Amino acid sequence: MGPIVALCGGVGGARLAHGLAQCLAPDDLTIIVNTGDDFEHLGLAISPDLDTVLYTLAGVANREQGWGRAGETLGVMSELKALAGPDWFLLGDKDIALHLIRTQALQAGETLSAVMARLAAALGVGPALVPMSDQPVRTILETAEGTLAFQDYFVARRCAPVVKAIRFEGAADARPAPAAEAALQRPDLAAIILCPSNPWLSMDPILSVPGMRDLIRSAAVPVLAVSPIIGGQAVKGPTAKIMSELGLACTNDAIAAHYAGLIDHLVIDRADTCSAPGLTIHTADILMRDEADRARLAGEILDILMGSTPAPQGD
């Protein structure tokens, strides 16, 4: 059907991205990944969402967890704990090797885009895996217990603090990564897909990069989002909790309202409903239990897009 751009966060987004990679030629898929979760730990540059997508597409992800490496060992973490070091963020030995390469490359002046392209090639990943920006953007949560960086909230505090507001530090000074901009400006671009990642924690950081929304709106192609909730509950992660704390009902109507003015289509689960005006609502079995489900859902989404009318040119 032509080239597709997918915007993607962590585990849920990575699973759909993997499904799309099974249905499309490598040159026809660009995956723009959230880097708001990125941080430095023990002197290492960590990019959790980029690595989750990388490992998933490479077929080396831990299938039970959805993140990290399969067959991982924890020798470094065990020794770190024995030495009373900071062991709150789990780093596998294979994972550390990748972090070392990325850290060295960034310190040598490589862009995050360049180093991720090199790592993807080394792991045999065909589609373009692109950070949302080569400039640092960091997700910061204002909570009832104070200001927390994303990993402090998500990992160290296990999403327990009540969220009052979310902001993206550094976004004002960022710009879309060159490969992201080029993919969204391709004259033969067929569609844009917002994967079923947390809209507030995974998709909003991408959309906060100045120029990203304009690139999507001006692409003049159908834009489709997949809901991250089923039956009023998040498929994975703290989406439902955060929506409640921000005063929102955990419904597809709220998801549709969050993406208002950006998307043309919303795919929801067959068990759910949505009455958002101005959107075309589609139903499917959106729970991706295994690799076959990923390819099935991706194929159904591509069928929807093939039958859709291109969106009008944005302002």
Protein backbone atom coordinates (compact mmCIF):
# COMPACT_ATOMS: atom_id res chain seq x y z
CA MET A 1 0.00 0.00 0.00
CA GLY A 2 3.01 2.31 0.19
CA PRO A 3 5.20 3.65 2.99
CA ILE A 4 3.86 3.84 6.55
CA VAL A 5 5.09 5.86 9.52
CA ALA A 6 4.30 4.47 12.98
CA LEU A 7 4.63 6.50 16.18
CA CYS A 8 5.53 4.20 19.01
CA GLY A 9 6.20 3.95 22.72
CA GLY A 10 7.25 0.86 24.67
CA VAL A 11 5.83 -2.65 24.96
CA GLY A 12 2.36 -2.27 23.40
CA GLY A 13 3.63 -0.03 20.64
CA ALA A 14 6.57 -2.35 19.98
CA ARG A 15 4.22 -5.29 19.51
CA LEU A 16 2.18 -3.51 16.84
CA ALA A 17 5.36 -2.21 15.21
CA HIS A 18 6.54 -5.82 15.02
CA GLY A 19 3.25 -6.80 13.42
CA LEU A 20 3.60 -4.04 10.85
CA ALA A 21 7.16 -5.18 10.14
CA GLN A 22 5.77 -8.63 9.32
CA CYS A 23 3.30 -7.14 6.82
CA LEU A 24 5.40 -4.47 5.10
CA ALA A 25 8.65 -4.35 3.18
CA PRO A 26 11.45 -2.91 5.36
CA ASP A 27 11.76 0.22 3.21
CA ASP A 28 8.03 0.87 3.65
CA LEU A 29 8.08 1.20 7.45
CA THR A 30 9.56 3.97 9.57
CA ILE A 31 9.04 3.74 13.33
CA ILE A 32 9.38 7.01 15.27
CA VAL A 33 10.00 6.13 18.91
CA ASN A 34 9.49 8.03 22.16
CA THR A 35 12.70 9.15 23.88
CA GLY A 36 11.06 11.01 26.78
CA ASP A 37 11.89 7.99 28.98
CA ASP A 38 15.62 8.25 28.22
CA PHE A 39 17.97 8.94 31.12
CA GLU A 40 21.52 8.47 32.34
CA HIS A 41 22.19 5.74 34.88
CA LEU A 42 25.56 4.67 36.23
CA GLY A 43 27.14 6.80 33.53
CA LEU A 44 25.25 4.98 30.77
CA ALA A 45 22.84 6.47 28.23
CA ILE A 46 19.64 4.43 28.55
CA SER A 47 16.85 4.56 25.92
CA PRO A 48 14.17 2.17 27.23
CA ASP A 49 11.52 2.56 24.51
CA LEU A 50 14.00 2.56 21.63
CA ASP A 51 15.60 -0.59 23.02
CA THR A 52 12.26 -2.32 23.58
CA VAL A 53 11.30 -1.68 19.95
CA LEU A 54 14.77 -2.70 18.76
CA TYR A 55 14.77 -5.97 20.69
CA THR A 56 11.19 -6.77 19.69
CA LEU A 57 11.80 -6.26 15.97
CA ALA A 58 15.08 -8.18 16.20
CA GLY A 59 13.28 -11.15 17.80
CA VAL A 60 15.50 -11.08 20.88
CA ALA A 61 13.10 -9.52 23.41
CA ASN A 62 12.09 -11.28 26.60
CA ARG A 63 8.63 -12.49 25.54
CA GLU A 64 7.25 -12.81 29.07
CA GLN A 65 8.26 -9.32 30.16
CA GLY A 66 7.87 -7.64 26.78
CA TRP A 67 11.08 -5.69 27.45
CA GLY A 68 14.72 -6.58 27.98
CA ARG A 69 16.62 -9.40 26.30
CA ALA A 70 15.74 -13.07 26.07
CA GLY A 71 18.26 -15.36 27.76
CA GLU A 72 19.57 -12.45 29.77
CA THR A 73 22.03 -12.83 32.64
CA LEU A 74 22.35 -10.51 35.63
CA GLY A 75 25.94 -10.87 36.72
CA VAL A 76 26.62 -7.14 36.85
CA MET A 77 23.39 -6.42 38.73
CA SER A 78 24.13 -9.14 41.28
CA GLU A 79 27.56 -7.71 41.96
CA LEU A 80 26.19 -4.17 42.03
CA LYS A 81 23.69 -5.21 44.70
CA ALA A 82 26.39 -6.99 46.70
CA LEU A 83 28.43 -3.79 46.67
CA ALA A 84 25.42 -1.75 47.90
CA GLY A 85 25.17 0.06 44.56
CA PRO A 86 21.98 1.44 42.99
CA ASP A 87 20.11 -1.67 41.83
CA TRP A 88 16.62 -0.20 41.45
CA PHE A 89 16.85 -0.12 37.65
CA LEU A 90 17.43 -3.59 36.21
CA LEU A 91 20.25 -3.84 33.67
CA GLY A 92 21.00 -7.19 32.08
CA ASP A 93 24.50 -8.05 30.96
CA LYS A 94 23.57 -8.13 27.26
CA ASP A 95 21.65 -4.90 27.70
CA ILE A 96 24.67 -3.22 29.26
CA ALA A 97 26.73 -4.03 26.18
CA LEU A 98 24.30 -2.05 24.04
CA HIS A 99 24.26 0.84 26.54
CA LEU A 100 28.05 0.95 26.50
CA ILE A 101 28.11 1.21 22.70
CA ARG A 102 25.45 3.95 22.68
CA THR A 103 27.13 5.92 25.48
CA GLN A 104 30.53 5.81 23.80
CA ALA A 105 29.03 6.83 20.44
CA LEU A 106 27.09 9.75 21.92
CA GLN A 107 30.14 10.95 23.82
CA ALA A 108 32.11 10.81 20.56
CA GLY A 109 29.59 13.14 18.94
CA GLU A 110 27.30 10.70 17.10
CA THR A 111 23.61 11.52 17.07
CA LEU A 112 21.14 9.18 18.73
CA SER A 113 19.65 8.60 15.25
CA ALA A 114 22.99 7.45 13.87
CA VAL A 115 23.84 5.12 16.71
CA MET A 116 20.36 3.52 16.73
CA ALA A 117 20.56 2.96 12.97
CA ARG A 118 23.89 1.23 13.48
CA LEU A 119 22.56 -0.94 16.32
CA ALA A 120 19.46 -1.85 14.31
CA ALA A 121 21.61 -2.94 11.38
CA ALA A 122 23.80 -5.02 13.71
CA LEU A 123 20.72 -6.85 15.02
CA GLY A 124 19.24 -7.36 11.56
CA VAL A 125 16.29 -4.96 11.91
CA GLY A 126 15.09 -3.85 8.47
CA PRO A 127 12.59 -1.02 9.11
CA ALA A 128 13.95 2.40 9.98
CA LEU A 129 14.05 2.81 13.77
CA VAL A 130 14.15 6.54 14.49
CA PRO A 131 14.19 8.50 17.76
CA MET A 132 11.63 11.30 17.88
CA SER A 133 14.49 13.79 18.26
CA ASP A 134 18.26 13.87 18.53
CA GLN A 135 17.92 16.55 21.21
CA PRO A 136 17.11 15.41 24.76
CA VAL A 137 13.47 15.64 25.82
CA ARG A 138 12.66 14.31 29.29
CA THR A 139 9.25 13.38 30.67
CA ILE A 140 8.73 14.97 34.09
CA LEU A 141 5.77 14.21 36.33
CA GLU A 142 4.36 16.60 38.89
CA THR A 143 2.95 14.34 41.59
CA ALA A 144 1.38 14.60 45.02
CA GLU A 145 4.82 13.62 46.34
CA GLY A 146 6.78 16.17 44.37
CA THR A 147 8.47 16.41 40.98
CA LEU A 148 9.71 13.08 39.61
CA ALA A 149 11.71 12.19 36.52
CA PHE A 150 9.99 9.50 34.50
CA GLN A 151 12.12 6.52 35.59
CA ASP A 152 11.90 7.58 39.24
CA TYR A 153 8.11 7.53 38.90
CA PHE A 154 7.77 4.49 36.67
CA VAL A 155 10.45 2.14 38.02
CA ALA A 156 11.67 3.36 41.40
CA ARG A 157 8.19 4.32 42.66
CA ARG A 158 6.27 1.76 40.53
CA CYS A 159 3.79 4.45 39.36
CA ALA A 160 2.43 4.82 42.92
CA PRO A 161 2.44 8.63 43.34
CA VAL A 162 -0.68 10.48 42.22
CA VAL A 163 0.03 12.38 38.99
CA LYS A 164 -1.09 16.01 38.85
CA ALA A 165 0.56 17.13 35.61
CA ILE A 166 3.08 16.00 33.00
CA ARG A 167 5.61 18.13 31.17
CA PHE A 168 8.40 17.50 28.69
CA GLU A 169 11.62 19.17 29.68
CA GLY A 170 13.72 20.30 26.73
CA ALA A 171 10.92 19.96 24.20
CA ALA A 172 10.95 23.64 23.29
CA ASP A 173 14.56 23.33 22.11
CA ALA A 174 14.11 20.04 20.27
CA ARG A 175 13.27 19.34 16.66
CA PRO A 176 12.17 16.16 14.88
CA ALA A 177 15.01 13.80 14.04
CA PRO A 178 16.00 14.26 10.37
CA ALA A 179 14.87 10.75 9.40
CA ALA A 180 11.52 11.29 11.15
CA GLU A 181 10.97 14.54 9.26
CA ALA A 182 11.99 12.95 5.96
CA ALA A 183 9.66 9.98 6.47
CA LEU A 184 6.68 12.22 7.25
CA GLN A 185 7.42 14.34 4.16
CA ARG A 186 7.76 11.46 1.69
CA PRO A 187 5.60 12.26 -1.34
CA ASP A 188 4.53 8.61 -1.52
CA LEU A 189 3.65 8.31 2.19
CA ALA A 190 0.46 6.22 2.52
CA ALA A 191 -0.56 6.60 6.17
CA ILE A 192 0.47 7.38 9.73
CA ILE A 193 -0.29 5.03 12.62
CA LEU A 194 -0.28 5.92 16.31
CA CYS A 195 0.47 2.65 18.06
CA PRO A 196 -1.41 1.59 21.23
CA SER A 197 1.06 3.24 23.57
CA ASN A 198 0.14 5.40 26.56
CA PRO A 199 -1.12 8.67 25.01
CA TRP A 200 0.18 10.80 27.90
CA LEU A 201 3.50 9.11 28.69
CA SER A 202 4.55 7.66 25.32
CA MET A 203 2.80 9.54 22.52
CA ASP A 204 2.66 13.06 23.97
CA PRO A 205 6.47 13.31 24.27
CA ILE A 206 6.72 12.61 20.53
CA LEU A 207 3.97 15.10 19.75
CA SER A 208 5.55 17.71 22.05
CA VAL A 209 8.55 18.08 19.74
CA PRO A 210 8.00 21.37 17.88
CA GLY A 211 7.00 20.72 14.29
CA MET A 212 5.94 17.09 14.80
CA ARG A 213 2.20 17.77 14.87
CA ASP A 214 2.51 20.05 11.84
CA LEU A 215 4.38 17.35 9.92
CA ILE A 216 1.60 14.87 10.69
CA ARG A 217 -1.20 17.27 9.80
CA SER A 218 0.45 18.44 6.59
CA ALA A 219 1.17 14.92 5.35
CA ALA A 220 -2.33 14.76 3.81
CA VAL A 221 -2.64 11.03 4.48
CA PRO A 222 -4.98 9.05 6.75
CA VAL A 223 -3.89 9.09 10.41
CA LEU A 224 -5.05 6.15 12.52
CA ALA A 225 -4.67 5.53 16.24
CA VAL A 226 -5.12 2.24 18.07
CA SER A 227 -6.66 2.52 21.53
CA PRO A 228 -4.51 1.37 24.45
CA ILE A 229 -7.54 0.40 26.56
CA ILE A 230 -9.95 -2.53 26.57
CA GLY A 231 -13.08 -2.53 28.70
CA GLY A 232 -12.04 0.53 30.67
CA GLN A 233 -8.65 -0.90 31.59
CA ALA A 234 -5.18 -0.36 30.17
CA VAL A 235 -3.82 -3.29 28.24
CA LYS A 236 -0.47 -2.61 29.90
CA GLY A 237 1.00 0.07 32.14
CA PRO A 238 -0.53 2.95 34.13
CA THR A 239 -2.76 4.50 31.45
CA ALA A 240 -6.03 4.00 33.37
CA LYS A 241 -4.50 5.24 36.64
CA ILE A 242 -3.10 8.38 35.05
CA MET A 243 -6.34 9.15 33.23
CA SER A 244 -8.26 8.91 36.49
CA GLU A 245 -5.76 11.12 38.31
CA LEU A 246 -5.97 13.72 35.55
CA GLY A 247 -9.76 13.77 35.92
CA LEU A 248 -10.53 11.73 32.81
CA ALA A 249 -12.76 8.71 32.39
CA CYS A 250 -10.90 5.67 31.07
CA THR A 251 -12.91 5.46 27.88
CA ASN A 252 -12.28 5.48 24.17
CA ASP A 253 -14.17 8.79 23.99
CA ALA A 254 -11.42 10.29 26.18
CA ILE A 255 -8.72 8.75 23.98
CA ALA A 256 -10.43 10.19 20.90
CA ALA A 257 -10.69 13.63 22.54
CA HIS A 258 -6.98 13.53 23.41
CA TYR A 259 -6.09 12.98 19.75
CA ALA A 260 -8.72 15.41 18.42
CA GLY A 261 -7.57 17.30 15.35
CA LEU A 262 -4.76 14.86 14.69
CA ILE A 263 -6.33 11.53 13.75
CA ASP A 264 -8.99 10.43 11.26
CA HIS A 265 -9.50 6.85 12.45
CA LEU A 266 -9.60 5.16 15.85
CA VAL A 267 -9.43 1.39 16.24
CA ILE A 268 -11.02 0.11 19.45
CA ASP A 269 -11.67 -3.35 20.82
CA ARG A 270 -14.77 -5.23 19.71
CA ALA A 271 -16.01 -5.22 23.31
CA ASP A 272 -15.93 -1.40 23.51
CA THR A 273 -17.74 1.60 22.08
CA CYS A 274 -16.83 5.13 21.08
CA SER A 275 -19.05 8.02 20.02
CA ALA A 276 -16.42 10.58 19.05
CA PRO A 277 -17.77 12.91 16.36
CA GLY A 278 -15.62 13.49 13.30
CA LEU A 279 -13.75 10.19 13.59
CA THR A 280 -14.26 6.92 11.80
CA ILE A 281 -14.39 4.23 14.49
CA HIS A 282 -13.32 0.68 13.69
CA THR A 283 -13.53 -2.38 15.91
CA ALA A 284 -11.09 -5.28 16.09
CA ASP A 285 -9.60 -7.72 18.55
CA ILE A 286 -6.81 -5.37 19.63
CA LEU A 287 -5.27 -7.62 22.29
CA MET A 288 -1.95 -8.92 20.94
CA ARG A 289 -1.34 -12.19 22.77
CA ASP A 290 1.41 -13.51 20.51
CA GLU A 291 3.29 -12.82 17.29
CA ALA A 292 0.43 -14.13 15.16
CA ASP A 293 -1.93 -11.63 16.81
CA ARG A 294 0.49 -8.82 16.07
CA ALA A 295 0.55 -9.63 12.37
CA ARG A 296 -3.23 -10.16 12.30
CA LEU A 297 -3.98 -6.78 13.88
CA ALA A 298 -1.41 -5.04 11.69
CA GLY A 299 -2.99 -6.60 8.61
CA GLU A 300 -6.47 -5.47 9.66
CA ILE A 301 -5.19 -1.93 10.24
CA LEU A 302 -3.55 -1.84 6.82
CA ASP A 303 -6.80 -3.07 5.26
CA ILE A 304 -8.65 -0.20 6.96
CA LEU A 305 -6.12 2.30 5.65
CA MET A 306 -6.20 0.92 2.12
CA GLY A 307 -9.92 1.59 2.03
CA SER A 308 -9.73 5.07 3.52
CA THR A 309 -9.76 8.46 1.84
CA PRO A 310 -6.68 10.66 2.30
CA ALA A 311 -7.14 13.40 4.88
CA PRO A 312 -7.35 17.01 3.64
CA GLN A 313 -4.27 19.21 3.73
CA GLY A 314 -3.73 20.64 7.24
CA ASP A 315 -3.45 24.32 8.00
